Every structure is written in C-alpha cells, then in structure tokens.
PDB file of N, CA and C in Angstrom:
ATOM      1  N   MET A   1      50.458 -28.224 -21.128  1.00  0.00           N
ATOM      2  CA  MET A   1      49.410 -27.453 -20.506  1.00  0.00           C
ATOM      3  C   MET A   1      49.944 -26.876 -19.197  1.00  0.00           C
ATOM      4  N   ALA A   2      49.737 -25.605 -19.007  1.00  0.00           N
ATOM      5  CA  ALA A   2      50.215 -24.937 -17.796  1.00  0.00           C
ATOM      6  C   ALA A   2      49.415 -25.422 -16.589  1.00  0.00           C
ATOM      7  N   THR A   3      50.124 -25.653 -15.506  1.00  0.00           N
ATOM      8  CA  THR A   3      49.485 -26.073 -14.259  1.00  0.00           C
ATOM      9  C   THR A   3      49.818 -25.062 -13.180  1.00  0.00           C
ATOM     10  N   GLN A   4      49.063 -25.106 -12.114  1.00  0.00           N
ATOM     11  CA  GLN A   4      49.271 -24.161 -11.030  1.00  0.00           C
ATOM     12  C   GLN A   4      49.544 -24.929  -9.742  1.00  0.00           C
ATOM     13  N   ARG A   5      50.653 -24.605  -9.093  1.00  0.00           N
ATOM     14  CA  ARG A   5      51.023 -25.221  -7.820  1.00  0.00           C
ATOM     15  C   ARG A   5      51.383 -24.126  -6.833  1.00  0.00           C
ATOM     16  N   HIS A   6      50.757 -24.125  -5.717  1.00  0.00           N
ATOM     17  CA  HIS A   6      51.058 -23.169  -4.641  1.00  0.00           C
ATOM     18  C   HIS A   6      51.082 -21.738  -5.166  1.00  0.00           C
ATOM     19  N   SER A   7      50.093 -21.379  -5.917  1.00  0.00           N
ATOM     20  CA  SER A   7      49.894 -20.052  -6.517  1.00  0.00           C
ATOM     21  C   SER A   7      50.997 -19.661  -7.500  1.00  0.00           C
ATOM     22  N   GLN A   8      51.726 -20.655  -8.059  1.00  0.00           N
ATOM     23  CA  GLN A   8      52.687 -20.402  -9.124  1.00  0.00           C
ATOM     24  C   GLN A   8      52.268 -21.181 -10.357  1.00  0.00           C
ATOM     25  N   ILE A   9      52.424 -20.564 -11.521  1.00  0.00           N
ATOM     26  CA  ILE A   9      52.086 -21.223 -12.776  1.00  0.00           C
ATOM     27  C   ILE A   9      53.332 -21.940 -13.276  1.00  0.00           C
ATOM     28  N   ILE A  10      53.187 -23.233 -13.540  1.00  0.00           N
ATOM     29  CA  ILE A  10      54.289 -24.060 -14.018  1.00  0.00           C
ATOM     30  C   ILE A  10      54.066 -24.334 -15.500  1.00  0.00           C
ATOM     31  N   GLU A  11      55.064 -23.972 -16.335  1.00  0.00           N
ATOM     32  CA  GLU A  11      54.973 -24.173 -17.783  1.00  0.00           C
ATOM     33  C   GLU A  11      56.220 -24.894 -18.276  1.00  0.00           C
ATOM     34  N   THR A  12      56.053 -25.565 -19.400  1.00  0.00           N
ATOM     35  CA  THR A  12      57.214 -26.162 -20.060  1.00  0.00           C
ATOM     36  C   THR A  12      57.993 -25.037 -20.754  1.00  0.00           C
ATOM     37  N   PRO A  13      59.262 -25.273 -21.117  1.00  0.00           N
ATOM     38  CA  PRO A  13      60.023 -24.227 -21.814  1.00  0.00           C
ATOM     39  C   PRO A  13      59.366 -23.762 -23.119  1.00  0.00           C
ATOM     40  N   THR A  14      58.748 -24.686 -23.852  1.00  0.00           N
ATOM     41  CA  THR A  14      58.086 -24.304 -25.104  1.00  0.00           C
ATOM     42  C   THR A  14      56.890 -23.414 -24.829  1.00  0.00           C
ATOM     43  N   GLU A  15      56.131 -23.724 -23.819  1.00  0.00           N
ATOM     44  CA  GLU A  15      54.990 -22.885 -23.469  1.00  0.00           C
ATOM     45  C   GLU A  15      55.448 -21.516 -22.984  1.00  0.00           C
ATOM     46  N   ALA A  16      56.555 -21.463 -22.272  1.00  0.00           N
ATOM     47  CA  ALA A  16      57.056 -20.184 -21.778  1.00  0.00           C
ATOM     48  C   ALA A  16      57.511 -19.296 -22.928  1.00  0.00           C
ATOM     49  N   ARG A  17      58.089 -19.896 -23.970  1.00  0.00           N
ATOM     50  CA  ARG A  17      58.512 -19.120 -25.149  1.00  0.00           C
ATOM     51  C   ARG A  17      57.320 -18.758 -26.026  1.00  0.00           C
ATOM     52  N   GLN A  18      56.238 -19.488 -25.900  1.00  0.00           N
ATOM     53  CA  GLN A  18      55.020 -19.315 -26.692  1.00  0.00           C
ATOM     54  C   GLN A  18      55.295 -19.486 -28.178  1.00  0.00           C
ATOM     55  N   ALA A  19      56.180 -20.405 -28.501  1.00  0.00           N
ATOM     56  CA  ALA A  19      56.471 -20.677 -29.903  1.00  0.00           C
ATOM     57  C   ALA A  19      57.119 -22.044 -30.007  1.00  0.00           C
ATOM     58  N   GLU A  20      57.050 -22.608 -31.184  1.00  0.00           N
ATOM     59  CA  GLU A  20      57.748 -23.854 -31.456  1.00  0.00           C
ATOM     60  C   GLU A  20      59.188 -23.517 -31.822  1.00  0.00           C
ATOM     61  N   PRO A  21      60.131 -24.403 -31.568  1.00  0.00           N
ATOM     62  CA  PRO A  21      61.507 -24.120 -31.973  1.00  0.00           C
ATOM     63  C   PRO A  21      61.597 -23.914 -33.486  1.00  0.00           C
ATOM     64  N   GLY A  22      62.291 -22.881 -33.885  1.00  0.00           N
ATOM     65  CA  GLY A  22      62.405 -22.545 -35.296  1.00  0.00           C
ATOM     66  C   GLY A  22      63.556 -23.277 -35.963  1.00  0.00           C
ATOM     67  N   PRO A  23      63.861 -22.868 -37.183  1.00  0.00           N
ATOM     68  CA  PRO A  23      64.960 -23.518 -37.906  1.00  0.00           C
ATOM     69  C   PRO A  23      66.290 -23.256 -37.203  1.00  0.00           C
ATOM     70  N   SER A  24      67.227 -24.110 -37.438  1.00  0.00           N
ATOM     71  CA  SER A  24      68.529 -24.002 -36.801  1.00  0.00           C
ATOM     72  C   SER A  24      69.259 -22.746 -37.264  1.00  0.00           C
ATOM     73  N   VAL A  25      69.885 -22.076 -36.333  1.00  0.00           N
ATOM     74  CA  VAL A  25      70.650 -20.877 -36.671  1.00  0.00           C
ATOM     75  C   VAL A  25      71.851 -21.259 -37.523  1.00  0.00           C
ATOM     76  N   LEU A  26      72.457 -22.404 -37.249  1.00  0.00           N
ATOM     77  CA  LEU A  26      73.590 -22.860 -38.053  1.00  0.00           C
ATOM     78  C   LEU A  26      73.189 -23.068 -39.502  1.00  0.00           C
ATOM     79  N   ALA A  27      72.037 -23.654 -39.732  1.00  0.00           N
ATOM     80  CA  ALA A  27      71.567 -23.866 -41.103  1.00  0.00           C
ATOM     81  C   ALA A  27      71.307 -22.524 -41.795  1.00  0.00           C
ATOM     82  N   LEU A  28      70.726 -21.600 -41.082  1.00  0.00           N
ATOM     83  CA  LEU A  28      70.450 -20.285 -41.654  1.00  0.00           C
ATOM     84  C   LEU A  28      71.746 -19.573 -42.037  1.00  0.00           C
ATOM     85  N   LEU A  29      72.751 -19.604 -41.144  1.00  0.00           N
ATOM     86  CA  LEU A  29      74.026 -18.958 -41.451  1.00  0.00           C
ATOM     87  C   LEU A  29      74.739 -19.642 -42.608  1.00  0.00           C
ATOM     88  N   THR A  30      74.669 -20.956 -42.664  1.00  0.00           N
ATOM     89  CA  THR A  30      75.320 -21.695 -43.748  1.00  0.00           C
ATOM     90  C   THR A  30      74.699 -21.350 -45.096  1.00  0.00           C
ATOM     91  N   VAL A  31      73.395 -21.349 -45.157  1.00  0.00           N
ATOM     92  CA  VAL A  31      72.710 -21.044 -46.416  1.00  0.00           C
ATOM     93  C   VAL A  31      72.962 -19.601 -46.838  1.00  0.00           C
ATOM     94  N   SER A  32      72.881 -18.670 -45.904  1.00  0.00           N
ATOM     95  CA  SER A  32      73.072 -17.268 -46.280  1.00  0.00           C
ATOM     96  C   SER A  32      74.515 -16.993 -46.704  1.00  0.00           C
ATOM     97  N   THR A  33      75.497 -17.621 -46.051  1.00  0.00           N
ATOM     98  CA  THR A  33      76.890 -17.448 -46.460  1.00  0.00           C
ATOM     99  C   THR A  33      77.134 -18.067 -47.837  1.00  0.00           C
ATOM    100  N   GLY A  34      76.540 -19.224 -48.085  1.00  0.00           N
ATOM    101  CA  GLY A  34      76.668 -19.858 -49.394  1.00  0.00           C
ATOM    102  C   GLY A  34      76.061 -19.011 -50.497  1.00  0.00           C
ATOM    103  N   LEU A  35      74.899 -18.444 -50.241  1.00  0.00           N
ATOM    104  CA  LEU A  35      74.269 -17.584 -51.245  1.00  0.00           C
ATOM    105  C   LEU A  35      75.084 -16.321 -51.494  1.00  0.00           C
ATOM    106  N   ALA A  36      75.649 -15.745 -50.433  1.00  0.00           N
ATOM    107  CA  ALA A  36      76.480 -14.547 -50.609  1.00  0.00           C
ATOM    108  C   ALA A  36      77.704 -14.876 -51.450  1.00  0.00           C
ATOM    109  N   GLY A  37      78.330 -16.019 -51.195  1.00  0.00           N
ATOM    110  CA  GLY A  37      79.482 -16.434 -51.996  1.00  0.00           C
ATOM    111  C   GLY A  37      79.114 -16.665 -53.441  1.00  0.00           C
ATOM    112  N   LEU A  38      77.972 -17.282 -53.674  1.00  0.00           N
ATOM    113  CA  LEU A  38      77.513 -17.533 -55.038  1.00  0.00           C
ATOM    114  C   LEU A  38      77.255 -16.225 -55.779  1.00  0.00           C
ATOM    115  N   ILE A  39      76.616 -15.290 -55.129  1.00  0.00           N
ATOM    116  CA  ILE A  39      76.336 -13.994 -55.761  1.00  0.00           C
ATOM    117  C   ILE A  39      77.636 -13.256 -56.062  1.00  0.00           C
ATOM    118  N   LEU A  40      78.572 -13.267 -55.120  1.00  0.00           N
ATOM    119  CA  LEU A  40      79.851 -12.604 -55.372  1.00  0.00           C
ATOM    120  C   LEU A  40      80.614 -13.286 -56.499  1.00  0.00           C
ATOM    121  N   GLY A  41      80.535 -14.596 -56.583  1.00  0.00           N
ATOM    122  CA  GLY A  41      81.171 -15.310 -57.678  1.00  0.00           C
ATOM    123  C   GLY A  41      80.577 -14.952 -59.020  1.00  0.00           C
ATOM    124  N   ILE A  42      79.275 -14.821 -59.082  1.00  0.00           N
ATOM    125  CA  ILE A  42      78.607 -14.439 -60.333  1.00  0.00           C
ATOM    126  C   ILE A  42      79.001 -13.021 -60.733  1.00  0.00           C
ATOM    127  N   VAL A  43      79.044 -12.100 -59.760  1.00  0.00           N
ATOM    128  CA  VAL A  43      79.435 -10.721 -60.057  1.00  0.00           C
ATOM    129  C   VAL A  43      80.879 -10.679 -60.542  1.00  0.00           C
ATOM    130  N   TRP A  44      81.774 -11.419 -59.895  1.00  0.00           N
ATOM    131  CA  TRP A  44      83.173 -11.447 -60.332  1.00  0.00           C
ATOM    132  C   TRP A  44      83.280 -12.019 -61.743  1.00  0.00           C
ATOM    133  N   PHE A  45      82.572 -13.110 -61.999  1.00  0.00           N
ATOM    134  CA  PHE A  45      82.638 -13.736 -63.305  1.00  0.00           C
ATOM    135  C   PHE A  45      82.094 -12.814 -64.396  1.00  0.00           C
ATOM    136  N   ALA A  46      81.038 -12.048 -64.081  1.00  0.00           N
ATOM    137  CA  ALA A  46      80.408 -11.198 -65.083  1.00  0.00           C
ATOM    138  C   ALA A  46      81.205  -9.923 -65.354  1.00  0.00           C
ATOM    139  N   PHE A  47      81.892  -9.370 -64.337  1.00  0.00           N
ATOM    140  CA  PHE A  47      82.493  -8.053 -64.511  1.00  0.00           C
ATOM    141  C   PHE A  47      84.016  -8.022 -64.446  1.00  0.00           C
ATOM    142  N   PHE A  48      84.646  -8.922 -63.726  1.00  0.00           N
ATOM    143  CA  PHE A  48      86.069  -8.797 -63.463  1.00  0.00           C
ATOM    144  C   PHE A  48      86.914  -9.895 -64.079  1.00  0.00           C
ATOM    145  N   ARG A  49      86.344 -10.733 -64.880  1.00  0.00           N
ATOM    146  CA  ARG A  49      87.094 -11.813 -65.518  1.00  0.00           C
ATOM    147  C   ARG A  49      87.994 -11.221 -66.601  1.00  0.00           C
ATOM    148  N   THR A  50      89.223 -11.674 -66.669  1.00  0.00           N
ATOM    149  CA  THR A  50      90.130 -11.121 -67.693  1.00  0.00           C
ATOM    150  C   THR A  50      90.443 -12.150 -68.750  1.00  0.00           C
TER     151      THR A  50
END
C-alpha cells in the first residue's frame, strides 16, 4: 500500500511497476528457441532428407 511521507508518495517496486513479475525471460527464450529448432528439424526432415 502506498504511503505518503513529507509530501512524497512511497511505493514498493511492484506497486511502482503496477504489475506482478511475469514469466522469466530466460524461460521464454529457451522455449522459443527450442520450438524454432523443432520446426526447422521437421521442415528439414520433410523436404531435404536424402
């Protein structure tokens, strides 16, 4: 809860961002890179296999 001291509003970092911390950026990058690799592997297997 925001408080006021000496005409300044004091907030926690979460209140200042006005949001809850989201998912980890590392997890997002890992999942998206894995999916891109999987899709490229499927495309290679379907079209370029000899």
